N, C-alpha and C. Protein backbone atom coordinates (compact mmCIF):
# COMPACT_ATOMS: atom_id res chain seq x y z
N MET A 1 -30.56 110.87 35.56
CA MET A 1 -30.22 109.82 36.44
C MET A 1 -29.96 108.52 35.68
N ARG A 2 -28.90 107.93 36.09
CA ARG A 2 -28.50 106.72 35.41
C ARG A 2 -28.81 105.51 36.29
N ARG A 3 -29.41 104.51 35.68
CA ARG A 3 -29.78 103.31 36.42
C ARG A 3 -28.64 102.30 36.36
N GLN A 4 -28.32 101.67 37.50
CA GLN A 4 -27.24 100.68 37.52
C GLN A 4 -27.80 99.30 37.19
N ARG A 5 -26.99 98.57 36.47
CA ARG A 5 -27.38 97.20 36.15
C ARG A 5 -26.55 96.25 36.99
N GLY A 6 -27.11 95.01 37.23
CA GLY A 6 -26.38 94.01 37.97
C GLY A 6 -27.14 93.58 39.22
N PHE A 7 -26.45 92.73 40.01
CA PHE A 7 -27.07 92.18 41.21
C PHE A 7 -26.40 92.76 42.43
N THR A 8 -27.15 92.81 43.50
CA THR A 8 -26.56 93.26 44.76
C THR A 8 -25.83 92.09 45.39
N LEU A 9 -24.96 92.37 46.32
CA LEU A 9 -24.21 91.33 47.01
C LEU A 9 -25.14 90.37 47.73
N LEU A 10 -26.21 90.85 48.30
CA LEU A 10 -27.18 90.01 49.01
C LEU A 10 -27.84 89.02 48.05
N GLU A 11 -28.21 89.48 46.88
CA GLU A 11 -28.83 88.59 45.89
C GLU A 11 -27.86 87.49 45.45
N VAL A 12 -26.61 87.81 45.25
CA VAL A 12 -25.61 86.82 44.85
C VAL A 12 -25.41 85.78 45.96
N MET A 13 -25.35 86.24 47.21
CA MET A 13 -25.15 85.32 48.34
C MET A 13 -26.33 84.36 48.48
N ILE A 14 -27.54 84.84 48.29
CA ILE A 14 -28.73 83.98 48.37
C ILE A 14 -28.71 82.95 47.24
N ALA A 15 -28.37 83.37 46.03
CA ALA A 15 -28.32 82.45 44.89
C ALA A 15 -27.26 81.38 45.10
N VAL A 16 -26.09 81.76 45.60
CA VAL A 16 -25.02 80.78 45.85
C VAL A 16 -25.45 79.80 46.94
N SER A 17 -26.14 80.27 47.97
CA SER A 17 -26.60 79.39 49.04
C SER A 17 -27.60 78.36 48.52
N ILE A 18 -28.52 78.79 47.69
CA ILE A 18 -29.52 77.88 47.11
C ILE A 18 -28.83 76.84 46.23
N MET A 19 -27.87 77.26 45.42
CA MET A 19 -27.13 76.32 44.58
C MET A 19 -26.35 75.32 45.42
N ALA A 20 -25.75 75.79 46.52
CA ALA A 20 -24.97 74.90 47.38
C ALA A 20 -25.86 73.82 47.99
N VAL A 21 -27.04 74.21 48.46
CA VAL A 21 -27.98 73.23 49.03
C VAL A 21 -28.37 72.20 47.97
N GLY A 22 -28.64 72.65 46.75
CA GLY A 22 -28.98 71.72 45.67
C GLY A 22 -27.86 70.78 45.32
N ILE A 23 -26.64 71.27 45.28
CA ILE A 23 -25.48 70.42 44.95
C ILE A 23 -25.25 69.39 46.05
N VAL A 24 -25.35 69.80 47.31
CA VAL A 24 -25.17 68.85 48.43
C VAL A 24 -26.24 67.76 48.37
N ALA A 25 -27.49 68.14 48.10
CA ALA A 25 -28.57 67.15 48.00
C ALA A 25 -28.30 66.16 46.86
N ALA A 26 -27.84 66.66 45.72
CA ALA A 26 -27.54 65.78 44.59
C ALA A 26 -26.39 64.82 44.92
N LEU A 27 -25.37 65.31 45.62
CA LEU A 27 -24.25 64.43 46.01
C LEU A 27 -24.70 63.38 47.01
N GLU A 28 -25.59 63.72 47.91
CA GLU A 28 -26.13 62.74 48.86
C GLU A 28 -26.90 61.65 48.14
N LEU A 29 -27.71 62.03 47.16
CA LEU A 29 -28.44 61.04 46.38
C LEU A 29 -27.49 60.12 45.64
N PHE A 30 -26.45 60.68 45.05
CA PHE A 30 -25.46 59.89 44.33
C PHE A 30 -24.76 58.92 45.28
N SER A 31 -24.39 59.38 46.45
CA SER A 31 -23.72 58.54 47.44
C SER A 31 -24.64 57.41 47.89
N GLY A 32 -25.90 57.72 48.13
CA GLY A 32 -26.86 56.68 48.54
C GLY A 32 -27.05 55.63 47.46
N SER A 33 -27.13 56.06 46.21
CA SER A 33 -27.31 55.09 45.13
C SER A 33 -26.06 54.22 44.96
N MET A 34 -24.89 54.78 45.20
CA MET A 34 -23.66 53.97 45.14
C MET A 34 -23.65 52.91 46.25
N ASN A 35 -24.11 53.27 47.45
CA ASN A 35 -24.19 52.31 48.55
C ASN A 35 -25.18 51.19 48.21
N LEU A 36 -26.32 51.55 47.64
CA LEU A 36 -27.30 50.54 47.26
C LEU A 36 -26.76 49.62 46.16
N ALA A 37 -26.02 50.19 45.23
CA ALA A 37 -25.42 49.37 44.17
C ALA A 37 -24.39 48.40 44.76
N GLY A 38 -23.62 48.86 45.75
CA GLY A 38 -22.66 47.98 46.42
C GLY A 38 -23.34 46.85 47.17
N ASP A 39 -24.46 47.17 47.86
CA ASP A 39 -25.22 46.15 48.57
C ASP A 39 -25.78 45.11 47.60
N ALA A 40 -26.32 45.59 46.47
CA ALA A 40 -26.87 44.68 45.47
C ALA A 40 -25.77 43.79 44.88
N ASP A 41 -24.58 44.34 44.69
CA ASP A 41 -23.46 43.56 44.16
C ASP A 41 -23.06 42.46 45.14
N ARG A 42 -22.96 42.79 46.43
CA ARG A 42 -22.60 41.78 47.43
C ARG A 42 -23.67 40.70 47.53
N GLN A 43 -24.94 41.09 47.47
CA GLN A 43 -26.02 40.11 47.54
C GLN A 43 -26.00 39.19 46.32
N SER A 44 -25.73 39.74 45.16
CA SER A 44 -25.64 38.91 43.94
C SER A 44 -24.49 37.92 44.04
N LYS A 45 -23.33 38.39 44.52
CA LYS A 45 -22.18 37.49 44.67
C LYS A 45 -22.46 36.40 45.70
N ALA A 46 -23.15 36.74 46.79
CA ALA A 46 -23.51 35.75 47.81
C ALA A 46 -24.48 34.72 47.24
N THR A 47 -25.42 35.15 46.42
CA THR A 47 -26.37 34.23 45.81
C THR A 47 -25.67 33.28 44.85
N VAL A 48 -24.73 33.80 44.07
CA VAL A 48 -23.97 32.94 43.14
C VAL A 48 -23.15 31.92 43.93
N LEU A 49 -22.51 32.34 45.02
CA LEU A 49 -21.73 31.42 45.84
C LEU A 49 -22.62 30.35 46.45
N ALA A 50 -23.79 30.72 46.98
CA ALA A 50 -24.71 29.74 47.56
C ALA A 50 -25.17 28.75 46.50
N ARG A 51 -25.45 29.23 45.31
CA ARG A 51 -25.87 28.35 44.21
C ARG A 51 -24.75 27.38 43.83
N GLU A 52 -23.50 27.87 43.81
CA GLU A 52 -22.37 27.00 43.51
C GLU A 52 -22.23 25.90 44.56
N LEU A 53 -22.42 26.25 45.83
CA LEU A 53 -22.30 25.27 46.92
C LEU A 53 -23.39 24.21 46.81
N VAL A 54 -24.61 24.63 46.52
CA VAL A 54 -25.72 23.67 46.36
C VAL A 54 -25.45 22.77 45.15
N ASP A 55 -25.02 23.37 44.04
CA ASP A 55 -24.73 22.58 42.84
C ASP A 55 -23.64 21.56 43.09
N GLU A 56 -22.63 21.95 43.85
CA GLU A 56 -21.54 21.02 44.17
C GLU A 56 -22.08 19.79 44.90
N GLU A 57 -23.01 20.00 45.84
CA GLU A 57 -23.60 18.87 46.56
C GLU A 57 -24.50 18.05 45.64
N LEU A 58 -25.25 18.72 44.78
CA LEU A 58 -26.17 18.00 43.88
C LEU A 58 -25.42 17.10 42.90
N TRP A 59 -24.21 17.49 42.51
CA TRP A 59 -23.46 16.72 41.52
C TRP A 59 -22.59 15.62 42.13
N ARG A 60 -22.58 15.49 43.44
CA ARG A 60 -21.78 14.42 44.06
C ARG A 60 -22.38 13.06 43.69
N ASP A 61 -21.50 12.09 43.45
CA ASP A 61 -21.98 10.73 43.16
C ASP A 61 -22.65 10.12 44.38
N VAL A 62 -22.00 10.26 45.53
CA VAL A 62 -22.52 9.70 46.78
C VAL A 62 -22.65 10.84 47.79
N LEU A 63 -23.84 11.00 48.30
CA LEU A 63 -24.06 12.03 49.32
C LEU A 63 -23.63 11.52 50.68
N GLU A 64 -23.05 12.39 51.46
CA GLU A 64 -22.63 12.04 52.82
C GLU A 64 -23.27 13.01 53.79
N GLU A 65 -23.77 12.45 54.89
CA GLU A 65 -24.38 13.29 55.90
C GLU A 65 -23.30 14.11 56.60
N GLY A 66 -23.55 15.40 56.78
CA GLY A 66 -22.57 16.22 57.46
C GLY A 66 -22.70 17.69 57.13
N GLN A 67 -21.74 18.44 57.65
CA GLN A 67 -21.73 19.89 57.46
C GLN A 67 -20.33 20.33 57.08
N ARG A 68 -20.25 21.22 56.10
CA ARG A 68 -18.99 21.82 55.70
C ARG A 68 -19.13 23.33 55.84
N SER A 69 -18.02 23.99 56.13
CA SER A 69 -18.07 25.45 56.20
C SER A 69 -16.73 26.01 55.76
N GLY A 70 -16.72 27.27 55.42
CA GLY A 70 -15.49 27.91 54.99
C GLY A 70 -15.70 29.39 54.76
N THR A 71 -14.67 30.01 54.20
CA THR A 71 -14.70 31.43 53.90
C THR A 71 -14.21 31.63 52.48
N GLU A 72 -14.89 32.50 51.76
CA GLU A 72 -14.46 32.86 50.41
C GLU A 72 -14.59 34.37 50.28
N GLY A 73 -13.46 35.04 50.26
CA GLY A 73 -13.48 36.51 50.21
C GLY A 73 -14.12 37.07 51.46
N GLN A 74 -15.12 37.90 51.30
CA GLN A 74 -15.80 38.51 52.44
C GLN A 74 -16.97 37.66 52.95
N PHE A 75 -17.17 36.48 52.37
CA PHE A 75 -18.31 35.64 52.70
C PHE A 75 -17.90 34.44 53.55
N ASP A 76 -18.71 34.13 54.57
CA ASP A 76 -18.61 32.89 55.33
C ASP A 76 -19.75 32.00 54.87
N TRP A 77 -19.48 30.72 54.67
CA TRP A 77 -20.53 29.85 54.17
C TRP A 77 -20.59 28.54 54.96
N THR A 78 -21.77 27.92 54.93
CA THR A 78 -22.01 26.63 55.56
C THR A 78 -22.93 25.82 54.65
N VAL A 79 -22.61 24.55 54.45
CA VAL A 79 -23.46 23.64 53.69
C VAL A 79 -23.74 22.44 54.58
N GLU A 80 -25.01 22.10 54.72
CA GLU A 80 -25.41 20.95 55.53
C GLU A 80 -26.21 20.00 54.64
N THR A 81 -25.85 18.72 54.70
CA THR A 81 -26.53 17.69 53.92
C THR A 81 -26.97 16.59 54.88
N HIS A 82 -28.26 16.23 54.81
CA HIS A 82 -28.72 15.15 55.67
C HIS A 82 -29.93 14.46 55.05
N PRO A 83 -30.08 13.15 55.32
CA PRO A 83 -31.23 12.42 54.78
C PRO A 83 -32.50 12.76 55.56
N VAL A 84 -33.63 12.64 54.87
CA VAL A 84 -34.93 12.85 55.51
C VAL A 84 -35.41 11.51 56.05
N ASP A 85 -35.91 11.54 57.26
CA ASP A 85 -36.44 10.33 57.87
C ASP A 85 -37.66 9.83 57.12
N ARG A 86 -37.83 8.53 57.05
CA ARG A 86 -38.94 7.95 56.31
C ARG A 86 -40.28 8.31 56.94
N GLU A 87 -40.31 8.62 58.23
CA GLU A 87 -41.59 8.92 58.86
C GLU A 87 -42.31 10.06 58.17
N LEU A 88 -41.58 10.91 57.49
CA LEU A 88 -42.23 11.97 56.73
C LEU A 88 -42.90 11.42 55.48
N VAL A 89 -42.47 10.24 55.05
CA VAL A 89 -42.98 9.65 53.82
C VAL A 89 -44.12 8.68 54.09
N GLY A 90 -44.11 7.99 55.22
CA GLY A 90 -45.18 7.03 55.51
C GLY A 90 -44.73 5.96 56.48
N GLN A 91 -44.51 6.31 57.72
CA GLN A 91 -44.04 5.37 58.74
C GLN A 91 -45.10 4.30 59.01
N GLU A 92 -46.40 4.64 58.90
CA GLU A 92 -47.43 3.65 59.22
C GLU A 92 -47.41 2.47 58.27
N LEU A 93 -47.01 2.68 57.01
CA LEU A 93 -46.91 1.56 56.07
C LEU A 93 -45.79 0.61 56.49
N GLU A 94 -44.69 1.14 57.01
CA GLU A 94 -43.60 0.29 57.45
C GLU A 94 -44.02 -0.51 58.67
N ASN A 95 -44.78 0.09 59.57
CA ASN A 95 -45.25 -0.60 60.77
C ASN A 95 -46.22 -1.71 60.40
N GLN A 96 -46.96 -1.58 59.31
CA GLN A 96 -47.89 -2.61 58.87
C GLN A 96 -47.18 -3.71 58.08
N GLY A 97 -45.90 -3.56 57.89
CA GLY A 97 -45.14 -4.57 57.17
C GLY A 97 -45.21 -4.45 55.67
N GLU A 98 -45.78 -3.37 55.16
CA GLU A 98 -45.92 -3.22 53.72
C GLU A 98 -44.65 -2.67 53.07
N LEU A 99 -43.78 -2.02 53.86
CA LEU A 99 -42.53 -1.51 53.34
C LEU A 99 -41.39 -2.37 53.88
N HIS A 100 -40.51 -2.76 53.01
CA HIS A 100 -39.37 -3.57 53.41
C HIS A 100 -38.09 -2.85 53.06
N LYS A 101 -37.11 -2.96 53.94
CA LYS A 101 -35.82 -2.34 53.67
C LYS A 101 -35.12 -3.12 52.56
N ALA A 102 -34.48 -2.41 51.66
CA ALA A 102 -33.75 -3.03 50.57
C ALA A 102 -32.33 -2.50 50.58
N ALA A 103 -31.41 -3.34 50.13
CA ALA A 103 -30.02 -2.89 50.03
C ALA A 103 -29.94 -1.82 48.96
N GLY A 104 -29.20 -0.76 49.26
CA GLY A 104 -29.06 0.33 48.30
C GLY A 104 -30.33 1.13 48.12
N GLU A 105 -31.18 1.12 49.14
CA GLU A 105 -32.45 1.83 49.04
C GLU A 105 -32.21 3.33 48.87
N MET A 106 -33.02 3.95 48.06
CA MET A 106 -32.90 5.37 47.79
C MET A 106 -33.77 6.15 48.77
N GLY A 107 -33.36 7.36 49.05
CA GLY A 107 -34.12 8.21 49.95
C GLY A 107 -33.94 9.68 49.58
N LEU A 108 -34.66 10.50 50.28
CA LEU A 108 -34.61 11.93 50.03
C LEU A 108 -33.57 12.58 50.92
N TRP A 109 -32.71 13.42 50.33
CA TRP A 109 -31.68 14.16 51.05
C TRP A 109 -31.98 15.65 50.95
N LEU A 110 -31.78 16.36 52.05
CA LEU A 110 -31.93 17.81 52.05
C LEU A 110 -30.55 18.47 52.03
N ILE A 111 -30.42 19.49 51.21
CA ILE A 111 -29.18 20.25 51.11
C ILE A 111 -29.51 21.69 51.48
N HIS A 112 -28.81 22.21 52.47
CA HIS A 112 -29.05 23.55 53.00
C HIS A 112 -27.74 24.34 52.92
N ALA A 113 -27.73 25.43 52.15
CA ALA A 113 -26.53 26.27 52.02
C ALA A 113 -26.85 27.66 52.54
N GLU A 114 -25.95 28.19 53.37
CA GLU A 114 -26.11 29.55 53.89
C GLU A 114 -24.82 30.32 53.68
N VAL A 115 -24.94 31.53 53.15
CA VAL A 115 -23.80 32.42 52.94
C VAL A 115 -24.06 33.69 53.75
N ARG A 116 -23.08 34.08 54.58
CA ARG A 116 -23.21 35.26 55.45
C ARG A 116 -22.12 36.27 55.13
N TRP A 117 -22.43 37.56 55.30
CA TRP A 117 -21.45 38.62 55.13
C TRP A 117 -21.83 39.80 56.00
N GLN A 118 -20.84 40.64 56.24
CA GLN A 118 -21.04 41.82 57.07
C GLN A 118 -21.42 43.00 56.19
N ALA A 119 -22.56 43.62 56.48
CA ALA A 119 -23.03 44.80 55.76
C ALA A 119 -22.96 46.00 56.69
N PRO A 120 -23.06 47.21 56.15
CA PRO A 120 -22.99 48.40 57.01
C PRO A 120 -24.03 48.41 58.13
N LEU A 121 -25.19 47.80 57.90
CA LEU A 121 -26.24 47.80 58.92
C LEU A 121 -26.33 46.47 59.66
N GLY A 122 -25.27 45.67 59.65
CA GLY A 122 -25.26 44.39 60.36
C GLY A 122 -25.05 43.22 59.42
N GLU A 123 -25.10 42.02 59.99
CA GLU A 123 -24.85 40.81 59.20
C GLU A 123 -26.05 40.48 58.33
N LYS A 124 -25.77 40.07 57.10
CA LYS A 124 -26.81 39.63 56.17
C LYS A 124 -26.50 38.20 55.75
N SER A 125 -27.51 37.50 55.25
CA SER A 125 -27.30 36.13 54.80
C SER A 125 -28.27 35.77 53.69
N ILE A 126 -27.85 34.77 52.93
CA ILE A 126 -28.67 34.17 51.87
C ILE A 126 -28.75 32.69 52.20
N VAL A 127 -29.93 32.10 52.13
CA VAL A 127 -30.11 30.67 52.40
C VAL A 127 -30.79 30.05 51.19
N LEU A 128 -30.19 28.97 50.69
CA LEU A 128 -30.79 28.17 49.62
C LEU A 128 -30.95 26.75 50.12
N GLU A 129 -32.10 26.14 49.84
CA GLU A 129 -32.34 24.75 50.21
C GLU A 129 -32.90 24.02 49.00
N THR A 130 -32.54 22.76 48.91
CA THR A 130 -33.08 21.91 47.86
C THR A 130 -33.07 20.48 48.35
N ALA A 131 -33.64 19.59 47.57
CA ALA A 131 -33.69 18.17 47.93
C ALA A 131 -33.21 17.35 46.73
N ARG A 132 -32.71 16.17 47.04
CA ARG A 132 -32.21 15.28 46.00
C ARG A 132 -32.42 13.84 46.42
N ILE A 133 -32.67 12.99 45.46
CA ILE A 133 -32.78 11.55 45.72
C ILE A 133 -31.38 10.97 45.72
N GLY A 134 -31.08 10.16 46.71
CA GLY A 134 -29.78 9.52 46.79
C GLY A 134 -29.85 8.27 47.65
N GLU A 135 -28.79 7.49 47.61
CA GLU A 135 -28.77 6.26 48.40
C GLU A 135 -28.74 6.61 49.87
N LYS A 136 -29.60 5.92 50.64
CA LYS A 136 -29.69 6.19 52.06
C LYS A 136 -28.52 5.55 52.79
N PRO A 137 -28.04 6.20 53.85
CA PRO A 137 -26.96 5.59 54.63
C PRO A 137 -27.50 4.41 55.44
N GLU A 138 -26.60 3.49 55.79
CA GLU A 138 -26.98 2.33 56.60
C GLU A 138 -27.53 2.79 57.93
N GLY A 139 -28.54 2.10 58.43
CA GLY A 139 -29.07 2.37 59.76
C GLY A 139 -30.18 3.40 59.79
N LEU A 140 -30.51 4.02 58.67
CA LEU A 140 -31.59 4.98 58.64
C LEU A 140 -32.83 4.29 58.10
N SER A 141 -33.95 4.45 58.79
CA SER A 141 -35.18 3.81 58.33
C SER A 141 -35.82 4.57 57.20
């Protein structure tokens, strides 16, 4: 009696099925990591844009109260600049007459930059805020 060598058709089909499941799982992992890399890239670009917008406000010679907005590529952005009221610094001293208004008085300005973009799971945004000393506008205490 001679013994046959090789695999049966059933054994080959089971092996191919197991390999197919493994290959599909590996492709899903690769696809997921590519999506995460794309999300990280968009978030990095949004952070750089927000930083550029804040830097632009910080380098202005004269700050102006107001809001600017626009679009750059896939990103929508808004920058808001406004002075901080003195009451946060010490309104009671002004009421006691110890603080006097001076021409060209300096004050604290807040700069708020927000960058928004559409992601597969909804809208995402990056917000950066900072403060700067600058000349206060007329009429602000």
